[in-house]
Amino acid sequence: MTTAEVLSVVERAFPFVPRPAEDDLPAHTDGCPHCVMTTRYLTEYTGPNLPAEAIRWLCDEMSTISPAATAWVFPSYLRYVLTAEDPRDPRPTAFLIYNLAPAPEHAADIQGRLSVLTAAQVEALLTVVRHLADTPYWADHYGGELEQATAFLEGLSASTPDHPETLTISRPNLLNECENP
């Protein structure tokens, strides 16, 4: 698929959604410093679409946001990765790959963060990952992680409901990564 075709898949699967309430942004509700920092940063963004500078800042802070915040961030994040990423700073795409290819000890945390996604959205993520795997730069530098991300998302796809109305936005028991040294 071309980048334009992948973008079309993403746009259909990930419409922009309203920003969650401030209390629904952090992954952890225990006052974790990283979550507090991310929530403070995100307070200036109130609309459904996040600008490039927010994506570049947030890309390595995804472990600090809730499933509801992930649902809000992904439409902007995925469009950014496919259309606007600065080749001098490939971190957003690299961190997307890392976030979709968790180590076994972090898989449950990522599954919880992605728990609000529909089957169509998980399939769209798979389309993005497969597209990146077909792109020489990403395949050369992140081939193993892209294979791991594909396997992870295929497993997630098998357990994701087809209808978003069956999903509830909740805060699963996410690991408090912020407490880890």
N, C-alpha and C. Protein backbone atom coordinates (compact mmCIF):
# COMPACT_ATOMS: atom_id res chain seq x y z
N MET A 1 0.83 -1.19 0.00
CA MET A 1 0.00 0.00 0.00
C MET A 1 0.88 1.25 0.00
N THR A 2 0.39 2.28 -0.64
CA THR A 2 1.11 3.56 -0.61
C THR A 2 0.82 4.26 0.71
N THR A 3 1.62 5.25 1.01
CA THR A 3 1.39 6.03 2.23
C THR A 3 0.01 6.67 2.18
N ALA A 4 -0.40 7.17 1.02
CA ALA A 4 -1.72 7.79 0.88
C ALA A 4 -2.84 6.79 1.17
N GLU A 5 -2.67 5.56 0.74
CA GLU A 5 -3.68 4.52 1.00
C GLU A 5 -3.72 4.17 2.50
N VAL A 6 -2.56 4.09 3.12
CA VAL A 6 -2.50 3.81 4.56
C VAL A 6 -3.13 4.97 5.33
N LEU A 7 -2.83 6.18 4.92
CA LEU A 7 -3.43 7.35 5.56
C LEU A 7 -4.96 7.31 5.45
N SER A 8 -5.47 6.90 4.33
CA SER A 8 -6.93 6.78 4.15
C SER A 8 -7.52 5.76 5.13
N VAL A 9 -6.83 4.65 5.32
CA VAL A 9 -7.26 3.63 6.29
C VAL A 9 -7.29 4.25 7.69
N VAL A 10 -6.24 4.96 8.04
CA VAL A 10 -6.14 5.59 9.37
C VAL A 10 -7.25 6.63 9.54
N GLU A 11 -7.48 7.45 8.54
CA GLU A 11 -8.51 8.49 8.65
C GLU A 11 -9.90 7.90 8.84
N ARG A 12 -10.18 6.76 8.19
CA ARG A 12 -11.49 6.11 8.38
C ARG A 12 -11.60 5.49 9.77
N ALA A 13 -10.54 4.86 10.23
CA ALA A 13 -10.58 4.13 11.50
C ALA A 13 -10.41 5.04 12.71
N PHE A 14 -9.69 6.13 12.56
CA PHE A 14 -9.36 7.00 13.68
C PHE A 14 -9.87 8.43 13.45
N PRO A 15 -11.18 8.63 13.55
CA PRO A 15 -11.66 10.01 13.47
C PRO A 15 -11.17 10.77 14.71
N PHE A 16 -11.05 12.07 14.57
CA PHE A 16 -10.67 12.88 15.73
C PHE A 16 -11.79 12.79 16.77
N VAL A 17 -11.40 12.71 18.04
CA VAL A 17 -12.35 12.62 19.14
C VAL A 17 -12.09 13.75 20.12
N PRO A 18 -13.10 14.13 20.89
CA PRO A 18 -12.88 15.21 21.87
C PRO A 18 -11.83 14.83 22.90
N ARG A 19 -11.16 15.84 23.40
CA ARG A 19 -10.17 15.65 24.47
C ARG A 19 -10.89 15.17 25.73
N PRO A 20 -10.34 14.18 26.39
CA PRO A 20 -10.94 13.73 27.66
C PRO A 20 -10.81 14.82 28.74
N ALA A 21 -11.60 14.69 29.77
CA ALA A 21 -11.48 15.59 30.91
C ALA A 21 -10.09 15.44 31.51
N GLU A 22 -9.62 16.49 32.15
CA GLU A 22 -8.25 16.48 32.68
C GLU A 22 -8.01 15.30 33.62
N ASP A 23 -8.98 14.95 34.44
CA ASP A 23 -8.82 13.81 35.36
C ASP A 23 -8.71 12.48 34.63
N ASP A 24 -9.14 12.44 33.36
CA ASP A 24 -9.09 11.21 32.59
C ASP A 24 -7.86 11.11 31.70
N LEU A 25 -6.95 12.08 31.79
CA LEU A 25 -5.73 12.05 30.96
C LEU A 25 -4.64 11.13 31.50
N PRO A 26 -4.33 11.17 32.80
CA PRO A 26 -3.17 10.39 33.26
C PRO A 26 -3.46 8.89 33.36
N ALA A 27 -2.40 8.12 33.14
CA ALA A 27 -2.49 6.67 33.28
C ALA A 27 -2.65 6.26 34.74
N HIS A 28 -2.02 7.02 35.62
CA HIS A 28 -2.01 6.65 37.03
C HIS A 28 -2.69 7.75 37.83
N THR A 29 -3.44 7.37 38.82
CA THR A 29 -4.20 8.34 39.61
C THR A 29 -3.58 8.59 40.98
N ASP A 30 -2.34 8.16 41.15
CA ASP A 30 -1.70 8.26 42.46
C ASP A 30 -0.76 9.46 42.57
N GLY A 31 -0.89 10.42 41.65
CA GLY A 31 -0.02 11.59 41.70
C GLY A 31 1.36 11.34 41.16
N CYS A 32 1.52 10.30 40.38
CA CYS A 32 2.82 9.96 39.79
C CYS A 32 3.39 11.18 39.07
N PRO A 33 4.63 11.55 39.36
CA PRO A 33 5.21 12.78 38.80
C PRO A 33 5.21 12.84 37.27
N HIS A 34 5.48 11.73 36.61
CA HIS A 34 5.49 11.74 35.15
C HIS A 34 4.08 12.00 34.60
N CYS A 35 3.08 11.38 35.21
CA CYS A 35 1.70 11.59 34.76
C CYS A 35 1.27 13.03 35.01
N VAL A 36 1.66 13.57 36.15
CA VAL A 36 1.34 14.97 36.46
C VAL A 36 2.00 15.89 35.44
N MET A 37 3.24 15.64 35.10
CA MET A 37 3.96 16.45 34.11
C MET A 37 3.25 16.40 32.76
N THR A 38 2.86 15.20 32.32
CA THR A 38 2.18 15.06 31.04
C THR A 38 0.82 15.76 31.06
N THR A 39 0.08 15.59 32.13
CA THR A 39 -1.22 16.24 32.23
C THR A 39 -1.07 17.75 32.17
N ARG A 40 -0.09 18.29 32.87
CA ARG A 40 0.15 19.74 32.83
C ARG A 40 0.47 20.20 31.41
N TYR A 41 1.30 19.43 30.73
CA TYR A 41 1.67 19.78 29.37
C TYR A 41 0.43 19.78 28.47
N LEU A 42 -0.42 18.77 28.62
CA LEU A 42 -1.57 18.62 27.74
C LEU A 42 -2.70 19.61 28.03
N THR A 43 -2.66 20.32 29.15
CA THR A 43 -3.75 21.24 29.46
C THR A 43 -3.91 22.35 28.43
N GLU A 44 -2.84 22.70 27.73
CA GLU A 44 -2.95 23.76 26.73
C GLU A 44 -3.65 23.30 25.46
N TYR A 45 -3.82 22.00 25.29
CA TYR A 45 -4.46 21.46 24.09
C TYR A 45 -5.88 21.01 24.45
N THR A 46 -6.84 21.72 23.93
CA THR A 46 -8.23 21.44 24.32
C THR A 46 -9.06 20.85 23.19
N GLY A 47 -8.57 20.91 21.97
CA GLY A 47 -9.35 20.42 20.83
C GLY A 47 -9.06 18.97 20.51
N PRO A 48 -9.73 18.46 19.50
CA PRO A 48 -9.54 17.06 19.13
C PRO A 48 -8.26 16.78 18.36
N ASN A 49 -7.68 17.80 17.73
CA ASN A 49 -6.49 17.61 16.91
C ASN A 49 -5.27 18.18 17.63
N LEU A 50 -4.24 17.36 17.79
CA LEU A 50 -3.01 17.81 18.43
C LEU A 50 -2.00 18.27 17.38
N PRO A 51 -1.29 19.38 17.63
CA PRO A 51 -0.28 19.84 16.68
C PRO A 51 0.99 18.99 16.74
N ALA A 52 1.83 19.20 15.74
CA ALA A 52 3.07 18.43 15.61
C ALA A 52 3.94 18.52 16.86
N GLU A 53 4.07 19.72 17.43
CA GLU A 53 4.95 19.85 18.60
C GLU A 53 4.44 19.02 19.78
N ALA A 54 3.13 18.86 19.89
CA ALA A 54 2.58 18.03 20.97
C ALA A 54 2.90 16.56 20.72
N ILE A 55 2.80 16.12 19.48
CA ILE A 55 3.12 14.73 19.16
C ILE A 55 4.59 14.45 19.41
N ARG A 56 5.45 15.37 18.99
CA ARG A 56 6.89 15.17 19.21
C ARG A 56 7.21 15.11 20.71
N TRP A 57 6.54 15.91 21.51
CA TRP A 57 6.78 15.90 22.96
C TRP A 57 6.21 14.63 23.59
N LEU A 58 5.02 14.26 23.18
CA LEU A 58 4.28 13.18 23.82
C LEU A 58 4.74 11.79 23.40
N CYS A 59 5.42 11.67 22.28
CA CYS A 59 5.72 10.35 21.73
C CYS A 59 6.44 9.43 22.71
N ASP A 60 7.29 9.97 23.57
CA ASP A 60 7.98 9.11 24.52
C ASP A 60 7.38 9.19 25.93
N GLU A 61 6.17 9.70 26.00
CA GLU A 61 5.45 9.77 27.28
C GLU A 61 4.13 8.99 27.23
N MET A 62 3.98 8.12 26.24
CA MET A 62 2.71 7.40 26.08
C MET A 62 2.37 6.55 27.29
N SER A 63 3.36 6.09 28.04
CA SER A 63 3.08 5.27 29.23
C SER A 63 2.43 6.09 30.33
N THR A 64 2.38 7.41 30.17
CA THR A 64 1.80 8.26 31.21
C THR A 64 0.36 8.67 30.91
N ILE A 65 -0.19 8.19 29.78
CA ILE A 65 -1.57 8.58 29.47
C ILE A 65 -2.52 7.39 29.54
N SER A 66 -3.76 7.69 29.83
CA SER A 66 -4.80 6.68 30.02
C SER A 66 -5.29 6.14 28.67
N PRO A 67 -6.11 5.09 28.72
CA PRO A 67 -6.74 4.62 27.48
C PRO A 67 -7.57 5.72 26.80
N ALA A 68 -8.31 6.51 27.57
CA ALA A 68 -9.11 7.59 26.98
C ALA A 68 -8.22 8.62 26.31
N ALA A 69 -7.10 8.94 26.92
CA ALA A 69 -6.16 9.89 26.31
C ALA A 69 -5.50 9.28 25.07
N THR A 70 -5.24 7.99 25.09
CA THR A 70 -4.68 7.32 23.93
C THR A 70 -5.65 7.43 22.75
N ALA A 71 -6.93 7.22 23.01
CA ALA A 71 -7.95 7.34 21.95
C ALA A 71 -7.97 8.76 21.38
N TRP A 72 -7.68 9.76 22.19
CA TRP A 72 -7.63 11.15 21.75
C TRP A 72 -6.34 11.44 20.98
N VAL A 73 -5.23 10.89 21.42
CA VAL A 73 -3.92 11.17 20.83
C VAL A 73 -3.70 10.44 19.50
N PHE A 74 -4.12 9.19 19.41
CA PHE A 74 -3.80 8.38 18.23
C PHE A 74 -4.23 8.99 16.89
N PRO A 75 -5.42 9.59 16.75
CA PRO A 75 -5.75 10.15 15.43
C PRO A 75 -4.72 11.18 14.95
N SER A 76 -4.26 12.04 15.82
CA SER A 76 -3.25 13.02 15.45
C SER A 76 -1.88 12.36 15.28
N TYR A 77 -1.54 11.48 16.19
CA TYR A 77 -0.22 10.83 16.18
C TYR A 77 -0.02 10.04 14.88
N LEU A 78 -1.00 9.23 14.53
CA LEU A 78 -0.85 8.39 13.34
C LEU A 78 -0.79 9.22 12.06
N ARG A 79 -1.60 10.26 11.98
CA ARG A 79 -1.54 11.15 10.81
C ARG A 79 -0.17 11.83 10.74
N TYR A 80 0.36 12.23 11.89
CA TYR A 80 1.67 12.86 11.91
C TYR A 80 2.74 11.91 11.39
N VAL A 81 2.73 10.69 11.88
CA VAL A 81 3.73 9.70 11.48
C VAL A 81 3.68 9.47 9.96
N LEU A 82 2.48 9.49 9.40
CA LEU A 82 2.33 9.20 7.97
C LEU A 82 2.54 10.40 7.06
N THR A 83 2.46 11.62 7.61
CA THR A 83 2.48 12.77 6.72
C THR A 83 3.47 13.87 7.08
N ALA A 84 3.77 14.04 8.33
CA ALA A 84 4.48 15.26 8.72
C ALA A 84 5.77 15.04 9.48
N GLU A 85 6.14 13.80 9.69
CA GLU A 85 7.32 13.58 10.53
C GLU A 85 8.56 14.22 9.91
N ASP A 86 9.30 14.86 10.75
CA ASP A 86 10.55 15.50 10.36
C ASP A 86 11.62 14.41 10.24
N PRO A 87 12.20 14.21 9.05
CA PRO A 87 13.20 13.14 8.91
C PRO A 87 14.43 13.33 9.79
N ARG A 88 14.64 14.56 10.28
CA ARG A 88 15.77 14.79 11.18
C ARG A 88 15.45 14.36 12.61
N ASP A 89 14.16 14.09 12.88
CA ASP A 89 13.74 13.65 14.21
C ASP A 89 12.72 12.52 14.07
N PRO A 90 13.20 11.30 13.83
CA PRO A 90 12.27 10.18 13.62
C PRO A 90 11.71 9.59 14.91
N ARG A 91 11.92 10.25 16.04
CA ARG A 91 11.48 9.70 17.33
C ARG A 91 9.99 9.34 17.38
N PRO A 92 9.07 10.16 16.87
CA PRO A 92 7.65 9.78 16.98
C PRO A 92 7.36 8.42 16.36
N THR A 93 7.89 8.16 15.17
CA THR A 93 7.64 6.85 14.56
C THR A 93 8.36 5.76 15.33
N ALA A 94 9.58 6.00 15.74
CA ALA A 94 10.32 5.00 16.51
C ALA A 94 9.57 4.66 17.80
N PHE A 95 9.08 5.67 18.50
CA PHE A 95 8.37 5.40 19.75
C PHE A 95 7.01 4.75 19.51
N LEU A 96 6.37 5.05 18.38
CA LEU A 96 5.14 4.34 18.05
C LEU A 96 5.44 2.85 17.90
N ILE A 97 6.50 2.55 17.19
CA ILE A 97 6.90 1.15 17.01
C ILE A 97 7.19 0.51 18.36
N TYR A 98 7.98 1.17 19.19
CA TYR A 98 8.30 0.62 20.52
C TYR A 98 7.03 0.40 21.35
N ASN A 99 6.09 1.34 21.28
CA ASN A 99 4.86 1.22 22.06
C ASN A 99 3.96 0.10 21.57
N LEU A 100 4.12 -0.30 20.32
CA LEU A 100 3.29 -1.38 19.78
C LEU A 100 4.03 -2.72 19.78
N ALA A 101 5.25 -2.71 20.28
CA ALA A 101 6.07 -3.93 20.35
C ALA A 101 6.60 -4.08 21.77
N PRO A 102 5.70 -4.22 22.74
CA PRO A 102 6.17 -4.22 24.13
C PRO A 102 6.93 -5.48 24.51
N ALA A 103 7.85 -5.30 25.44
CA ALA A 103 8.49 -6.46 26.06
C ALA A 103 7.40 -7.22 26.81
N PRO A 104 7.58 -8.52 26.99
CA PRO A 104 6.53 -9.31 27.64
C PRO A 104 6.06 -8.74 28.98
N GLU A 105 6.98 -8.18 29.75
CA GLU A 105 6.58 -7.64 31.06
C GLU A 105 5.74 -6.36 30.95
N HIS A 106 5.69 -5.76 29.77
CA HIS A 106 4.89 -4.54 29.58
C HIS A 106 3.68 -4.77 28.68
N ALA A 107 3.48 -5.97 28.19
CA ALA A 107 2.39 -6.25 27.26
C ALA A 107 1.02 -5.97 27.87
N ALA A 108 0.81 -6.36 29.11
CA ALA A 108 -0.50 -6.13 29.74
C ALA A 108 -0.78 -4.63 29.88
N ASP A 109 0.24 -3.86 30.16
CA ASP A 109 0.10 -2.41 30.28
C ASP A 109 -0.32 -1.81 28.94
N ILE A 110 0.33 -2.22 27.86
CA ILE A 110 -0.01 -1.69 26.54
C ILE A 110 -1.39 -2.18 26.12
N GLN A 111 -1.72 -3.42 26.41
CA GLN A 111 -3.06 -3.92 26.12
C GLN A 111 -4.11 -3.08 26.84
N GLY A 112 -3.85 -2.72 28.09
CA GLY A 112 -4.77 -1.87 28.82
C GLY A 112 -4.91 -0.50 28.18
N ARG A 113 -3.80 0.07 27.75
CA ARG A 113 -3.82 1.39 27.12
C ARG A 113 -4.58 1.36 25.80
N LEU A 114 -4.53 0.23 25.11
CA LEU A 114 -5.21 0.09 23.82
C LEU A 114 -6.61 -0.52 23.95
N SER A 115 -7.07 -0.69 25.18
CA SER A 115 -8.33 -1.38 25.42
C SER A 115 -9.55 -0.67 24.86
N VAL A 116 -9.45 0.60 24.55
CA VAL A 116 -10.61 1.33 24.01
C VAL A 116 -10.67 1.28 22.49
N LEU A 117 -9.71 0.66 21.85
CA LEU A 117 -9.70 0.61 20.40
C LEU A 117 -10.69 -0.42 19.88
N THR A 118 -11.26 -0.11 18.72
CA THR A 118 -12.15 -1.06 18.04
C THR A 118 -11.30 -2.02 17.20
N ALA A 119 -11.95 -3.06 16.71
CA ALA A 119 -11.25 -4.00 15.83
C ALA A 119 -10.73 -3.27 14.59
N ALA A 120 -11.51 -2.35 14.04
CA ALA A 120 -11.08 -1.60 12.86
C ALA A 120 -9.85 -0.74 13.18
N GLN A 121 -9.78 -0.21 14.37
CA GLN A 121 -8.62 0.60 14.75
C GLN A 121 -7.38 -0.26 14.94
N VAL A 122 -7.55 -1.43 15.52
CA VAL A 122 -6.39 -2.34 15.67
C VAL A 122 -5.92 -2.76 14.28
N GLU A 123 -6.85 -3.04 13.38
CA GLU A 123 -6.47 -3.40 12.01
C GLU A 123 -5.76 -2.23 11.32
N ALA A 124 -6.19 -1.00 11.58
CA ALA A 124 -5.52 0.17 11.01
C ALA A 124 -4.09 0.28 11.56
N LEU A 125 -3.92 0.02 12.85
CA LEU A 125 -2.56 0.02 13.42
C LEU A 125 -1.69 -1.05 12.75
N LEU A 126 -2.29 -2.21 12.51
CA LEU A 126 -1.55 -3.26 11.81
C LEU A 126 -1.17 -2.80 10.41
N THR A 127 -2.05 -2.10 9.74
CA THR A 127 -1.76 -1.58 8.41
C THR A 127 -0.59 -0.61 8.46
N VAL A 128 -0.56 0.27 9.46
CA VAL A 128 0.54 1.21 9.63
C VAL A 128 1.84 0.45 9.88
N VAL A 129 1.82 -0.51 10.78
CA VAL A 129 3.03 -1.28 11.11
C VAL A 129 3.53 -2.04 9.88
N ARG A 130 2.63 -2.65 9.14
CA ARG A 130 3.04 -3.38 7.93
C ARG A 130 3.62 -2.42 6.89
N HIS A 131 3.04 -1.25 6.78
CA HIS A 131 3.56 -0.24 5.86
C HIS A 131 4.97 0.17 6.27
N LEU A 132 5.17 0.41 7.55
CA LEU A 132 6.52 0.76 8.02
C LEU A 132 7.50 -0.38 7.76
N ALA A 133 7.04 -1.61 7.93
CA ALA A 133 7.92 -2.77 7.67
C ALA A 133 8.29 -2.88 6.20
N ASP A 134 7.47 -2.30 5.33
CA ASP A 134 7.77 -2.30 3.89
C ASP A 134 8.57 -1.07 3.47
N THR A 135 8.89 -0.21 4.41
CA THR A 135 9.66 1.00 4.13
C THR A 135 11.12 0.73 4.50
N PRO A 136 12.03 0.87 3.52
CA PRO A 136 13.42 0.46 3.78
C PRO A 136 14.04 1.02 5.06
N TYR A 137 13.91 2.31 5.32
CA TYR A 137 14.53 2.86 6.53
C TYR A 137 14.03 2.17 7.78
N TRP A 138 12.70 2.07 7.93
CA TRP A 138 12.13 1.48 9.15
C TRP A 138 12.42 -0.02 9.22
N ALA A 139 12.37 -0.70 8.09
CA ALA A 139 12.69 -2.13 8.08
C ALA A 139 14.14 -2.38 8.46
N ASP A 140 15.04 -1.55 7.95
CA ASP A 140 16.47 -1.71 8.25
C ASP A 140 16.79 -1.43 9.72
N HIS A 141 16.16 -0.41 10.29
CA HIS A 141 16.49 0.01 11.65
C HIS A 141 15.62 -0.61 12.74
N TYR A 142 14.41 -1.03 12.38
CA TYR A 142 13.45 -1.51 13.39
C TYR A 142 12.74 -2.79 12.94
N GLY A 143 13.38 -3.58 12.09
CA GLY A 143 12.75 -4.78 11.55
C GLY A 143 12.26 -5.74 12.62
N GLY A 144 13.09 -6.01 13.61
CA GLY A 144 12.68 -6.92 14.69
C GLY A 144 11.52 -6.38 15.50
N GLU A 145 11.57 -5.09 15.81
CA GLU A 145 10.48 -4.46 16.56
C GLU A 145 9.19 -4.44 15.74
N LEU A 146 9.30 -4.24 14.43
CA LEU A 146 8.10 -4.24 13.58
C LEU A 146 7.49 -5.63 13.52
N GLU A 147 8.32 -6.67 13.49
CA GLU A 147 7.80 -8.04 13.55
C GLU A 147 7.10 -8.28 14.88
N GLN A 148 7.71 -7.82 15.95
CA GLN A 148 7.12 -7.97 17.27
C GLN A 148 5.81 -7.19 17.37
N ALA A 149 5.76 -5.99 16.82
CA ALA A 149 4.54 -5.18 16.83
C ALA A 149 3.43 -5.86 16.03
N THR A 150 3.79 -6.44 14.90
CA THR A 150 2.80 -7.16 14.10
C THR A 150 2.21 -8.32 14.89
N ALA A 151 3.06 -9.10 15.52
CA ALA A 151 2.57 -10.23 16.33
C ALA A 151 1.70 -9.75 17.49
N PHE A 152 2.13 -8.69 18.16
CA PHE A 152 1.37 -8.16 19.28
C PHE A 152 -0.01 -7.69 18.82
N LEU A 153 -0.06 -6.93 17.74
CA LEU A 153 -1.33 -6.41 17.25
C LEU A 153 -2.22 -7.51 16.69
N GLU A 154 -1.64 -8.52 16.07
CA GLU A 154 -2.44 -9.65 15.60
C GLU A 154 -3.09 -10.36 16.78
N GLY A 155 -2.36 -10.51 17.88
CA GLY A 155 -2.94 -11.10 19.09
C GLY A 155 -4.03 -10.22 19.68
N LEU A 156 -3.80 -8.93 19.67
CA LEU A 156 -4.78 -7.99 20.18
C LEU A 156 -6.02 -7.98 19.29
N SER A 157 -5.81 -8.07 17.99
CA SER A 157 -6.92 -8.07 17.03
C SER A 157 -7.86 -9.23 17.28
N ALA A 158 -7.32 -10.37 17.65
CA ALA A 158 -8.13 -11.56 17.88
C ALA A 158 -9.04 -11.40 19.09
N SER A 159 -8.72 -10.46 19.98
CA SER A 159 -9.51 -10.32 21.21
C SER A 159 -10.24 -8.97 21.30
N THR A 160 -10.30 -8.21 20.19
CA THR A 160 -10.90 -6.89 20.21
C THR A 160 -12.32 -6.95 19.68
N PRO A 161 -13.29 -6.34 20.38
CA PRO A 161 -14.67 -6.33 19.89
C PRO A 161 -14.79 -5.57 18.57
N ASP A 162 -15.77 -5.98 17.76
CA ASP A 162 -16.00 -5.32 16.48
C ASP A 162 -16.80 -4.03 16.62
N HIS A 163 -17.48 -3.88 17.71
CA HIS A 163 -18.38 -2.74 17.86
C HIS A 163 -17.93 -1.85 19.01
N PRO A 164 -17.64 -0.56 18.70
CA PRO A 164 -17.14 0.32 19.76
C PRO A 164 -18.14 0.53 20.88
N GLU A 165 -19.43 0.35 20.61
CA GLU A 165 -20.40 0.56 21.69
C GLU A 165 -20.27 -0.50 22.78
N THR A 166 -19.56 -1.58 22.52
CA THR A 166 -19.36 -2.59 23.55
C THR A 166 -18.18 -2.26 24.44
N LEU A 167 -17.43 -1.22 24.06
CA LEU A 167 -16.25 -0.86 24.83
C LEU A 167 -16.61 0.14 25.91
N THR A 168 -15.90 0.05 27.00
CA THR A 168 -16.05 1.06 28.03
C THR A 168 -14.69 1.68 28.26
N ILE A 169 -14.68 2.98 28.40
CA ILE A 169 -13.42 3.65 28.67
C ILE A 169 -13.19 3.59 30.17
N SER A 170 -12.21 2.83 30.53
CA SER A 170 -11.90 2.68 31.94
C SER A 170 -10.39 2.78 32.10
N ARG A 171 -9.99 2.82 33.31
CA ARG A 171 -8.56 2.87 33.60
C ARG A 171 -8.18 1.50 34.14
N PRO A 172 -7.66 0.62 33.25
CA PRO A 172 -7.26 -0.70 33.74
C PRO A 172 -6.11 -0.58 34.73
N ASN A 173 -5.78 -1.68 35.33
CA ASN A 173 -4.71 -1.68 36.31
C ASN A 173 -3.38 -1.55 35.59
N LEU A 174 -3.06 -0.32 35.18
CA LEU A 174 -1.81 -0.07 34.47
C LEU A 174 -0.65 -0.11 35.44
N LEU A 175 0.45 -0.62 34.96
CA LEU A 175 1.66 -0.64 35.76
C LEU A 175 2.06 0.80 36.06
N ASN A 176 2.52 1.03 37.24
CA ASN A 176 2.99 2.38 37.53
C ASN A 176 4.47 2.44 37.18
N GLU A 177 4.73 2.60 35.87
CA GLU A 177 6.10 2.63 35.38
C GLU A 177 6.86 3.81 35.97
N CYS A 178 6.13 4.81 36.40
CA CYS A 178 6.78 6.02 36.90
C CYS A 178 7.52 5.76 38.21
N GLU A 179 7.11 4.72 38.92
CA GLU A 179 7.78 4.42 40.19
C GLU A 179 9.06 3.62 39.98
N ASN A 180 9.19 3.02 38.79
CA ASN A 180 10.37 2.20 38.53
C ASN A 180 11.57 3.09 38.28
N PRO A 181 12.73 2.73 38.82
CA PRO A 181 13.93 3.54 38.58
C PRO A 181 14.39 3.45 37.14
